[in-house]
């Protein structure tokens, strides 16, 4: 591995996306050179525009389903649409991105002897029978459902990573990422945090699928990126897989109510039928990450939601979201000081 004054050349695929752009920022802050590769299917130039003037940052338009020939020391493979709206738009291409993308990036890592981290997902657990989900759980996934292009694509990518590790000695890391949120989320990605915030800021009804009692665990993007960085640098190397997410657990309805409260919105909750194969429970067991590289999340849901609301409120003010259909808020976004610093309690968090 090339290392000059602790500086590495790092490739981030999907680097113009939500997670990738935050990761590129952190890598530059650590003094590394960053090559950001993205085909801009879900990523946007706006996410990384502020980095373009840095001489250590390079942007390349590239689709990981095609081979890439560059010289790098580390690879973070984040390229893949991650929200149901986006990955179901072209399910065949989604599977290709996970599978062909993994093969191409693993081939690159093999050629240049780079360490490579795969951004896998909690979706590999499917609708779990085990709760919370440890890395030892094999999951319960529908292989032919509408979400299978993403779920099974990521499961196959994990298989490829471990086979390249065993067969060719490639230095791998496999991180299973749980629900992550924060600034630069796509406003139309269909995920609950972005959906609820945009609907609340517009004053639209908050769409809750099913009865809203299904649970999720939400990790703020800064905590998540710190986990990825620590995992990549962990020595001695252990391939994983390792869960990275926030073990705090909330019902979807609790999240909707909290977003309404923090935005001061006049929105009301509207219920809709539950989508196919939507898991009822999702919560990571993060003991392995804690023991391996001393990581655990620190940002509480309420603090993270305020920062995310501020981001989307800025988009609305700049005219980058459609205008509100009616008066969205009674008194504007609730400032941090006015909430009393209270935290949202996770009713099922043991």
Protein backbone atom coordinates (compact mmCIF):
# COMPACT_ATOMS: atom_id res chain seq x y z
CA UNK A 1 0.00 0.00 0.00
CA UNK A 2 1.33 3.41 -0.99
CA UNK A 3 1.50 5.72 2.02
CA UNK A 4 3.25 9.10 2.03
CA UNK A 5 2.94 11.14 5.23
CA UNK A 6 -0.13 9.03 6.09
CA UNK A 7 -1.75 10.09 2.79
CA UNK A 8 -3.56 7.50 0.67
CA UNK A 9 -5.29 7.64 -2.68
CA UNK A 10 -8.86 6.48 -2.05
CA UNK A 11 -11.57 5.58 -4.57
CA UNK A 12 -15.17 6.16 -3.50
CA UNK A 13 -17.71 4.71 -5.92
CA UNK A 14 -21.09 6.39 -5.59
CA UNK A 15 -19.12 9.31 -4.17
CA UNK A 16 -21.60 11.98 -5.30
CA UNK A 17 -24.44 10.30 -3.43
CA UNK A 18 -25.78 10.94 0.04
CA UNK A 19 -23.35 8.72 1.96
CA UNK A 20 -20.52 8.98 -0.56
CA UNK A 21 -20.31 12.77 -0.47
CA UNK A 22 -20.02 12.81 3.32
CA UNK A 23 -17.37 10.10 3.15
CA UNK A 24 -15.38 12.05 0.53
CA UNK A 25 -15.43 15.09 2.84
CA UNK A 26 -14.11 13.11 5.79
CA UNK A 27 -11.37 11.45 3.75
CA UNK A 28 -10.17 14.83 2.46
CA UNK A 29 -10.24 16.18 6.02
CA UNK A 30 -7.87 13.34 6.96
CA UNK A 31 -5.43 14.44 4.29
CA UNK A 32 -6.07 11.73 1.69
CA UNK A 33 -6.45 12.07 -2.07
CA UNK A 34 -9.98 11.14 -3.15
CA UNK A 35 -11.16 9.85 -6.51
CA UNK A 36 -14.97 10.12 -6.62
CA UNK A 37 -16.63 7.91 -9.25
CA UNK A 38 -20.37 8.26 -9.91
CA UNK A 39 -22.75 7.80 -12.84
CA UNK A 40 -25.14 10.39 -11.32
CA UNK A 41 -28.20 8.15 -11.40
CA UNK A 42 -29.05 9.11 -7.83
CA UNK A 43 -25.97 11.14 -6.89
CA UNK A 44 -25.81 14.84 -7.76
CA UNK A 45 -23.02 17.24 -8.57
CA UNK A 46 -24.42 19.60 -5.93
CA UNK A 47 -23.44 17.13 -3.20
CA UNK A 48 -19.74 17.38 -4.04
CA UNK A 49 -19.58 20.81 -5.74
CA UNK A 50 -17.92 22.36 -2.71
CA UNK A 51 -15.09 19.81 -2.98
CA UNK A 52 -14.21 20.47 -6.64
CA UNK A 53 -11.70 23.20 -5.81
CA UNK A 54 -9.63 20.90 -3.59
CA UNK A 55 -6.53 19.75 -5.52
CA UNK A 56 -6.71 16.39 -3.74
CA UNK A 57 -10.24 15.71 -5.03
CA UNK A 58 -10.99 14.28 -8.47
CA UNK A 59 -14.43 13.59 -9.95
CA UNK A 60 -14.98 10.91 -12.59
CA UNK A 61 -18.26 10.05 -14.28
CA UNK A 62 -18.23 6.26 -14.33
CA UNK A 63 -20.66 3.35 -14.01
CA UNK A 64 -19.28 0.49 -11.90
CA UNK A 65 -20.90 -2.08 -14.15
CA UNK A 66 -17.95 -1.27 -16.43
CA UNK A 67 -14.30 -2.00 -15.48
CA UNK A 68 -12.22 0.83 -14.05
CA UNK A 69 -8.43 1.05 -14.35
CA UNK A 70 -6.91 3.40 -11.79
CA UNK A 71 -4.17 3.29 -9.16
CA UNK A 72 -5.56 3.50 -5.62
CA UNK A 73 -4.75 2.26 -2.13
CA UNK A 74 -8.28 1.84 -0.78
CA UNK A 75 -11.74 1.42 -2.32
CA UNK A 76 -15.09 2.20 -0.72
CA UNK A 77 -17.72 0.56 -2.94
CA UNK A 78 -20.89 2.56 -2.24
CA UNK A 79 -22.30 2.60 -5.78
CA UNK A 80 -25.91 1.38 -5.87
CA UNK A 81 -29.33 3.04 -5.62
CA UNK A 82 -30.42 2.39 -2.05
CA UNK A 83 -34.05 3.53 -1.81
CA UNK A 84 -37.00 1.46 -3.07
CA UNK A 85 -38.15 4.26 -5.40
CA UNK A 86 -34.77 4.31 -7.12
CA UNK A 87 -33.75 0.66 -7.09
CA UNK A 88 -37.18 -0.50 -8.31
CA UNK A 89 -37.08 1.97 -11.21
CA UNK A 90 -34.77 -0.37 -13.13
CA UNK A 91 -34.46 -3.59 -11.10
CA UNK A 92 -32.28 -5.38 -13.65
CA UNK A 93 -29.78 -2.54 -13.62
CA UNK A 94 -29.89 -2.51 -9.80
CA UNK A 95 -28.86 -6.17 -9.69
CA UNK A 96 -26.15 -5.51 -12.27
CA UNK A 97 -24.82 -2.61 -10.21
CA UNK A 98 -24.49 -4.81 -7.13
CA UNK A 99 -23.12 -7.91 -8.86
CA UNK A 100 -21.14 -6.60 -11.86
CA UNK A 101 -20.04 -3.63 -9.79
CA UNK A 102 -18.69 -5.92 -7.07
CA UNK A 103 -16.83 -8.04 -9.64
CA UNK A 104 -15.26 -4.98 -11.28
CA UNK A 105 -14.22 -3.31 -8.04
CA UNK A 106 -12.90 -6.56 -6.58
CA UNK A 107 -10.94 -7.10 -9.79
CA UNK A 108 -9.44 -3.63 -9.39
CA UNK A 109 -8.60 -4.29 -5.73
CA UNK A 110 -6.94 -7.55 -6.70
CA UNK A 111 -4.84 -5.91 -9.43
CA UNK A 112 -3.56 -2.99 -7.35
CA UNK A 113 -3.53 -4.79 -3.96
CA UNK A 114 -5.99 -2.30 -2.44
CA UNK A 115 -8.14 -2.84 0.61
CA UNK A 116 -11.81 -2.67 -0.37
CA UNK A 117 -14.94 -2.01 1.71
CA UNK A 118 -18.36 -3.09 0.50
CA UNK A 119 -21.34 -1.01 1.56
CA UNK A 120 -23.79 -3.83 2.17
CA UNK A 121 -27.14 -3.35 3.86
CA UNK A 122 -29.45 -4.46 6.62
CA UNK A 123 -31.76 -5.55 3.80
CA UNK A 124 -29.74 -8.77 3.61
CA UNK A 125 -31.67 -9.79 6.74
CA UNK A 126 -35.03 -9.37 4.97
CA UNK A 127 -38.07 -9.53 7.27
CA UNK A 128 -36.13 -10.99 10.21
CA UNK A 129 -37.17 -13.73 12.62
CA UNK A 130 -34.32 -12.70 14.95
CA UNK A 131 -34.38 -9.36 16.76
CA UNK A 132 -32.14 -7.41 17.02
CA UNK A 133 -30.18 -8.72 14.04
CA UNK A 134 -26.64 -10.01 14.72
CA UNK A 135 -24.16 -10.63 11.93
CA UNK A 136 -24.52 -14.38 12.47
CA UNK A 137 -28.17 -14.28 11.34
CA UNK A 138 -28.58 -15.46 7.73
CA UNK A 139 -31.81 -13.57 7.11
CA UNK A 140 -35.24 -14.26 5.60
CA UNK A 141 -35.39 -12.72 2.13
CA UNK A 142 -37.93 -13.19 -0.65
CA UNK A 143 -35.78 -13.99 -3.72
CA UNK A 144 -38.50 -13.09 -6.27
CA UNK A 145 -40.20 -10.06 -4.72
CA UNK A 146 -40.16 -6.42 -5.79
CA UNK A 147 -37.31 -5.66 -3.40
CA UNK A 148 -35.22 -8.67 -4.44
CA UNK A 149 -33.14 -6.78 -6.99
CA UNK A 150 -31.60 -4.84 -4.10
CA UNK A 151 -31.75 -7.43 -1.30
CA UNK A 152 -30.42 -10.36 -3.31
CA UNK A 153 -28.03 -8.17 -5.30
CA UNK A 154 -26.37 -7.11 -2.05
CA UNK A 155 -26.35 -10.68 -0.73
CA UNK A 156 -24.64 -11.85 -3.93
CA UNK A 157 -22.12 -9.01 -3.62
CA UNK A 158 -21.25 -10.23 -0.12
CA UNK A 159 -20.72 -13.72 -1.53
CA UNK A 160 -18.37 -12.35 -4.18
CA UNK A 161 -16.41 -10.35 -1.63
CA UNK A 162 -15.81 -13.36 0.58
CA UNK A 163 -14.96 -15.60 -2.37
CA UNK A 164 -12.39 -13.09 -3.65
CA UNK A 165 -11.03 -12.94 -0.09
CA UNK A 166 -10.75 -16.71 0.24
CA UNK A 167 -9.68 -17.51 -3.32
CA UNK A 168 -7.47 -14.53 -4.16
CA UNK A 169 -6.51 -13.08 -0.77
CA UNK A 170 -8.19 -9.72 -1.43
CA UNK A 171 -8.24 -7.56 1.72
CA UNK A 172 -11.97 -6.94 2.22
CA UNK A 173 -14.33 -5.27 4.65
CA UNK A 174 -18.10 -5.88 4.47
CA UNK A 175 -20.26 -3.35 6.34
CA UNK A 176 -23.99 -3.94 6.75
CA UNK A 177 -25.46 -0.45 6.86
CA UNK A 178 -28.77 0.15 8.66
CA UNK A 179 -31.18 3.03 7.96
CA UNK A 180 -29.11 6.22 7.68
CA UNK A 181 -30.36 9.78 7.36
CA UNK A 182 -29.06 13.34 7.28
CA UNK A 183 -28.34 16.30 5.00
CA UNK A 184 -28.03 15.55 1.27
CA UNK A 185 -30.63 12.81 1.30
CA UNK A 186 -32.49 12.85 -2.01
CA UNK A 187 -35.82 14.66 -1.41
CA UNK A 188 -37.66 12.11 -3.57
CA UNK A 189 -35.96 8.90 -2.47
CA UNK A 190 -39.11 7.48 -0.85
CA UNK A 191 -37.46 6.81 2.53
CA UNK A 192 -39.39 7.59 5.67
CA UNK A 193 -37.14 10.33 7.05
CA UNK A 194 -36.95 12.35 3.83
CA UNK A 195 -40.60 11.66 2.98
CA UNK A 196 -41.87 12.78 6.37
CA UNK A 197 -39.71 15.91 6.52
CA UNK A 198 -40.61 17.08 3.00
CA UNK A 199 -44.31 16.39 3.59
CA UNK A 200 -44.23 18.20 6.94
CA UNK A 201 -42.44 21.26 5.51
CA UNK A 202 -45.01 21.46 2.69
CA UNK A 203 -47.91 20.94 5.07
CA UNK A 204 -48.95 17.82 3.18
CA UNK A 205 -50.38 14.72 4.91
CA UNK A 206 -47.63 12.50 6.36
CA UNK A 207 -47.93 9.14 4.59
CA UNK A 208 -47.53 6.19 6.99
CA UNK A 209 -47.75 2.75 5.43
CA UNK A 210 -49.58 0.03 7.35
CA UNK A 211 -50.47 0.82 10.95
CA UNK A 212 -47.17 2.61 11.58
CA UNK A 213 -46.17 0.14 14.30
CA UNK A 214 -43.33 -1.36 12.25
CA UNK A 215 -39.99 -0.35 13.76
CA UNK A 216 -36.79 1.08 12.33
CA UNK A 217 -33.43 2.19 13.70
CA UNK A 218 -32.06 5.48 12.38
CA UNK A 219 -28.36 6.34 12.27
CA UNK A 220 -27.21 9.90 11.55
CA UNK A 221 -24.83 10.11 8.61
CA UNK A 222 -21.87 11.48 10.64
CA UNK A 223 -21.97 8.46 12.95
CA UNK A 224 -22.28 6.07 10.01
CA UNK A 225 -19.30 7.53 8.14
CA UNK A 226 -17.18 7.37 11.28
CA UNK A 227 -18.05 3.67 11.53
CA UNK A 228 -17.00 3.02 7.92
CA UNK A 229 -13.69 4.83 8.42
CA UNK A 230 -12.89 2.93 11.60
CA UNK A 231 -13.80 -0.39 10.03
CA UNK A 232 -11.58 0.27 7.02
CA UNK A 233 -8.63 1.14 9.26
CA UNK A 234 -9.18 -1.63 11.83
CA UNK A 235 -6.09 -3.77 12.43
CA UNK A 236 -5.55 -6.65 12.42
CA UNK A 237 -7.84 -6.93 9.47
CA UNK A 238 -11.15 -8.74 9.88
CA UNK A 239 -13.43 -8.98 6.83
CA UNK A 240 -16.72 -8.86 8.71
CA UNK A 241 -19.56 -8.63 8.00
CA UNK A 242 -20.12 -5.94 10.62
CA UNK A 243 -23.38 -4.13 11.38
CA UNK A 244 -23.12 -0.33 11.41
CA UNK A 245 -26.25 1.45 12.55
CA UNK A 246 -27.99 2.96 15.56
CA UNK A 247 -29.60 0.40 17.90
CA UNK A 248 -32.21 2.91 19.07
CA UNK A 249 -35.58 1.60 17.85
CA UNK A 250 -38.67 3.63 16.95
CA UNK A 251 -42.00 2.93 15.35
CA UNK A 252 -42.64 4.65 12.05
CA UNK A 253 -45.57 6.45 13.63
CA UNK A 254 -43.33 7.81 16.43
CA UNK A 255 -40.97 9.15 13.77
CA UNK A 256 -43.83 10.87 11.94
CA UNK A 257 -45.08 12.47 15.16
CA UNK A 258 -41.58 13.69 16.05
CA UNK A 259 -41.04 15.23 12.60
CA UNK A 260 -44.38 17.06 12.88
CA UNK A 261 -43.38 18.36 16.31
CA UNK A 262 -39.89 19.51 15.29
CA UNK A 263 -41.13 21.28 12.14
CA UNK A 264 -44.15 22.82 13.85
CA UNK A 265 -46.15 21.54 10.89
CA UNK A 266 -49.93 21.48 10.54
CA UNK A 267 -49.65 18.11 8.75
CA UNK A 268 -51.72 15.15 9.84
CA UNK A 269 -50.87 11.47 9.49
CA UNK A 270 -52.53 9.60 6.62
CA UNK A 271 -52.35 5.80 6.49
CA UNK A 272 -51.80 3.79 3.31
CA UNK A 273 -51.44 0.06 2.51
CA UNK A 274 -48.13 -1.54 3.47
CA UNK A 275 -45.81 -2.20 0.48
CA UNK A 276 -44.87 -5.75 -0.45
CA UNK A 277 -42.06 -7.40 1.58
CA UNK A 278 -41.70 -4.40 3.89
CA UNK A 279 -39.95 -5.70 7.07
CA UNK A 280 -41.79 -5.25 10.37
CA UNK A 281 -38.71 -4.89 12.56
CA UNK A 282 -35.21 -3.61 11.94
CA UNK A 283 -32.60 -3.01 14.63
CA UNK A 284 -28.85 -3.70 14.54
CA UNK A 285 -26.83 -5.58 17.10
CA UNK A 286 -23.65 -3.44 17.10
CA UNK A 287 -21.64 -5.30 19.72
CA UNK A 288 -19.18 -6.54 17.09
CA UNK A 289 -18.41 -3.02 15.83
CA UNK A 290 -17.96 -1.88 19.42
CA UNK A 291 -15.51 -4.67 20.24
CA UNK A 292 -13.62 -4.65 16.91
CA UNK A 293 -12.95 -0.96 16.42
CA UNK A 294 -14.53 0.87 19.34
CA UNK A 295 -17.44 2.34 17.39
CA UNK A 296 -20.95 3.19 18.52
CA UNK A 297 -23.31 6.00 17.47
CA UNK A 298 -23.55 9.16 19.56
CA UNK A 299 -26.04 11.45 17.79
CA UNK A 300 -29.57 11.15 19.15
CA UNK A 301 -32.50 11.01 16.76
CA UNK A 302 -33.85 14.40 17.74
CA UNK A 303 -30.50 16.14 17.14
CA UNK A 304 -30.05 14.43 13.78
CA UNK A 305 -33.60 15.24 12.69
CA UNK A 306 -33.08 18.94 13.43
CA UNK A 307 -30.00 19.03 11.18
CA UNK A 308 -31.83 17.15 8.44
CA UNK A 309 -34.89 19.40 8.71
CA UNK A 310 -32.64 22.47 8.39
CA UNK A 311 -31.18 21.02 5.18
CA UNK A 312 -34.57 20.34 3.58
CA UNK A 313 -35.91 23.68 4.79
CA UNK A 314 -33.00 25.30 2.95
CA UNK A 315 -33.93 23.44 -0.24
CA UNK A 316 -37.53 24.61 0.11
CA UNK A 317 -36.45 28.21 0.69
CA UNK A 318 -34.18 28.05 -2.37
CA UNK A 319 -37.06 26.82 -4.52
CA UNK A 320 -35.49 23.39 -5.02
CA UNK A 321 -38.60 21.66 -3.68
CA UNK A 322 -42.14 22.27 -4.94
CA UNK A 323 -43.86 24.99 -2.87
CA UNK A 324 -46.13 24.12 0.03
CA UNK A 325 -49.74 23.38 -0.83
CA UNK A 326 -50.84 25.33 2.22
CA UNK A 327 -49.25 26.99 5.23
CA UNK A 328 -46.77 24.33 6.23
CA UNK A 329 -45.87 25.50 9.69
CA UNK A 330 -47.48 27.37 12.49
CA UNK A 331 -44.29 29.07 13.64
CA UNK A 332 -41.42 27.78 11.55
CA UNK A 333 -38.96 25.00 12.32
CA UNK A 334 -38.58 24.53 16.06
CA UNK A 335 -35.07 25.72 17.03
CA UNK A 336 -32.85 23.42 19.06
CA UNK A 337 -33.01 25.61 22.16
CA UNK A 338 -36.81 25.47 22.33
CA UNK A 339 -37.07 21.69 22.59
CA UNK A 340 -35.56 21.51 26.04
CA UNK A 341 -32.91 19.07 24.87
CA UNK A 342 -35.26 16.17 25.39
CA UNK A 343 -34.59 12.95 23.54
CA UNK A 344 -37.05 10.63 21.87
CA UNK A 345 -37.21 7.40 23.82
CA UNK A 346 -36.99 4.06 22.04
CA UNK A 347 -39.80 1.98 23.57
CA UNK A 348 -38.34 -1.36 22.47
CA UNK A 349 -34.69 -0.52 23.11
CA UNK A 350 -33.31 -2.98 25.63
